[in-house]
N, C-alpha and C. Protein backbone atom coordinates (compact mmCIF):
# COMPACT_ATOMS: atom_id res chain seq x y z
N MET A 1 -95.51 -85.76 27.34
CA MET A 1 -94.96 -84.96 27.03
C MET A 1 -93.58 -85.28 26.10
N THR A 2 -93.54 -84.34 25.00
CA THR A 2 -92.40 -84.47 24.18
C THR A 2 -90.99 -84.08 24.58
N ILE A 3 -89.89 -84.40 24.90
CA ILE A 3 -89.04 -84.02 25.38
C ILE A 3 -87.90 -83.22 24.26
N THR A 4 -87.96 -81.97 24.22
CA THR A 4 -87.00 -81.73 22.84
C THR A 4 -86.00 -80.82 23.25
N SER A 5 -85.18 -80.35 22.31
CA SER A 5 -83.60 -79.73 23.01
C SER A 5 -84.13 -78.37 23.80
N ALA A 6 -85.22 -77.83 23.46
CA ALA A 6 -85.92 -76.66 24.51
C ALA A 6 -86.22 -77.06 26.09
N HIS A 7 -86.10 -78.19 26.11
CA HIS A 7 -86.68 -78.74 27.45
C HIS A 7 -84.96 -79.10 27.98
N LEU A 8 -83.62 -79.15 27.57
CA LEU A 8 -82.77 -79.59 28.18
C LEU A 8 -82.12 -78.87 28.88
N PRO A 9 -81.98 -77.46 29.25
CA PRO A 9 -81.64 -76.72 30.08
C PRO A 9 -81.97 -77.09 31.11
N ALA A 10 -83.45 -76.86 31.15
CA ALA A 10 -84.12 -76.99 31.95
C ALA A 10 -84.27 -78.10 33.02
N ILE A 11 -83.63 -79.49 32.14
CA ILE A 11 -83.75 -80.81 32.94
C ILE A 11 -82.40 -80.45 33.42
N VAL A 12 -81.43 -79.99 32.83
CA VAL A 12 -80.14 -80.05 33.54
C VAL A 12 -79.97 -79.50 34.78
N ALA A 13 -80.74 -78.16 34.67
CA ALA A 13 -80.73 -77.32 36.29
C ALA A 13 -81.39 -78.09 36.47
N LEU A 14 -82.61 -79.10 36.76
CA LEU A 14 -83.04 -79.62 37.80
C LEU A 14 -82.54 -80.74 38.13
N VAL A 15 -81.74 -81.07 37.61
CA VAL A 15 -80.92 -82.89 38.05
C VAL A 15 -79.39 -82.11 38.90
N ALA A 16 -78.61 -80.62 38.16
CA ALA A 16 -77.78 -80.40 39.02
C ALA A 16 -78.19 -79.40 40.36
N GLY A 17 -79.45 -79.31 40.46
CA GLY A 17 -79.86 -78.88 41.86
C GLY A 17 -80.27 -79.74 43.18
N ILE A 18 -80.62 -80.68 42.06
CA ILE A 18 -81.10 -82.07 43.01
C ILE A 18 -79.68 -82.21 44.04
N LEU A 19 -79.10 -82.64 42.51
CA LEU A 19 -77.42 -82.94 42.92
C LEU A 19 -76.15 -82.27 44.23
N ILE A 20 -76.93 -80.78 43.80
CA ILE A 20 -75.80 -80.18 44.99
C ILE A 20 -76.49 -80.12 45.95
N LEU A 21 -78.10 -80.12 45.96
CA LEU A 21 -78.57 -80.22 47.65
C LEU A 21 -77.70 -81.39 48.04
N LEU A 22 -78.18 -82.84 47.26
CA LEU A 22 -77.64 -83.98 48.31
C LEU A 22 -76.23 -83.67 48.32
N MET A 23 -75.32 -83.16 47.62
CA MET A 23 -73.70 -83.10 47.87
C MET A 23 -73.21 -82.12 47.37
N PRO A 24 -73.20 -81.30 48.02
CA PRO A 24 -72.16 -79.69 47.79
C PRO A 24 -71.10 -79.61 47.22
N ARG A 25 -70.46 -80.66 47.51
CA ARG A 25 -69.08 -80.72 46.75
C ARG A 25 -69.13 -80.87 45.43
N LEU A 26 -70.48 -81.08 45.11
CA LEU A 26 -70.06 -81.57 43.19
C LEU A 26 -70.21 -80.34 42.61
N LEU A 27 -70.81 -79.24 43.39
CA LEU A 27 -71.27 -77.99 42.68
C LEU A 27 -69.97 -77.58 41.28
N ASN A 28 -68.73 -77.65 41.99
CA ASN A 28 -67.52 -76.63 40.96
C ASN A 28 -68.16 -77.78 39.84
N PHE A 29 -68.03 -79.24 40.40
CA PHE A 29 -67.69 -79.97 38.64
C PHE A 29 -69.03 -80.26 38.23
N ILE A 30 -70.37 -79.99 38.61
CA ILE A 30 -71.53 -79.53 38.02
C ILE A 30 -71.46 -78.60 36.95
N VAL A 31 -71.21 -77.20 37.59
CA VAL A 31 -71.06 -75.72 36.85
C VAL A 31 -69.96 -76.25 35.88
N ALA A 32 -68.85 -76.75 36.15
CA ALA A 32 -67.88 -76.79 35.13
C ALA A 32 -68.57 -77.50 33.59
N ILE A 33 -69.27 -78.51 33.96
CA ILE A 33 -69.17 -79.23 32.71
C ILE A 33 -70.83 -78.61 32.47
N TYR A 34 -71.45 -78.25 32.67
CA TYR A 34 -72.17 -77.43 32.43
C TYR A 34 -72.01 -76.05 31.39
N LEU A 35 -71.18 -75.59 31.73
CA LEU A 35 -70.66 -74.37 31.32
C LEU A 35 -69.44 -74.96 29.85
N ILE A 36 -69.19 -76.15 29.87
CA ILE A 36 -68.44 -76.55 29.25
C ILE A 36 -69.25 -77.29 28.02
N PHE A 37 -70.55 -78.10 28.45
CA PHE A 37 -71.51 -78.25 27.82
C PHE A 37 -72.12 -76.93 26.66
N VAL A 38 -72.47 -76.25 27.61
CA VAL A 38 -73.31 -74.79 26.74
C VAL A 38 -72.30 -74.26 25.78
N GLY A 39 -70.80 -74.19 26.44
CA GLY A 39 -70.55 -73.60 25.28
C GLY A 39 -69.80 -74.54 23.97
N LEU A 40 -69.79 -75.74 24.11
CA LEU A 40 -69.26 -76.68 23.03
C LEU A 40 -71.17 -76.66 22.06
N THR A 41 -71.91 -76.32 22.48
CA THR A 41 -73.60 -76.34 21.66
C THR A 41 -73.20 -75.14 21.16
N GLY A 42 -72.73 -74.03 21.78
CA GLY A 42 -73.16 -72.59 21.18
C GLY A 42 -72.12 -72.68 20.43
N LEU A 43 -71.07 -73.30 20.24
CA LEU A 43 -70.18 -73.23 18.97
C LEU A 43 -70.35 -74.06 18.15
N GLY A 44 -71.52 -74.81 18.01
CA GLY A 44 -72.04 -75.71 17.40
C GLY A 44 -71.20 -76.80 16.57
N LEU A 45 -70.24 -77.43 17.83
CA LEU A 45 -69.41 -78.65 17.67
C LEU A 45 -70.17 -79.69 18.18
N LEU A 46 -71.91 -79.67 18.90
CA LEU A 46 -72.25 -81.16 19.16
C LEU A 46 -73.21 -81.41 18.44
N LYS A 47 -73.20 -80.61 16.81
CA LYS A 47 -74.43 -80.72 16.15
C LYS A 47 -74.30 -81.95 15.58
N MET A 48 -73.11 -82.88 15.52
CA MET A 48 -72.94 -84.55 14.97
C MET A 48 -73.74 -85.10 16.03
N PHE A 49 -74.33 -84.59 17.10
CA PHE A 49 -75.27 -85.28 18.01
C PHE A 49 -76.41 -85.08 17.91
N HIS A 50 -76.91 -84.07 17.25
CA HIS A 50 -78.58 -83.59 16.94
C HIS A 50 -78.81 -83.47 18.35
N PHE A 51 -78.04 -82.62 18.59
CA PHE A 51 -79.10 -81.85 20.27
C PHE A 51 -79.82 -80.74 19.59
């Protein structure tokens, strides 16, 4: 299986879900980091990393 940028949201959601189940206090941090990452990606500020 080749992992592309189309798979990235699914992988992030899966890892975040597992972490939230293991440590519920991480929910705020995981959601905040995810929203910041999606926002930066949406604005095109992470193009230099070739995501």
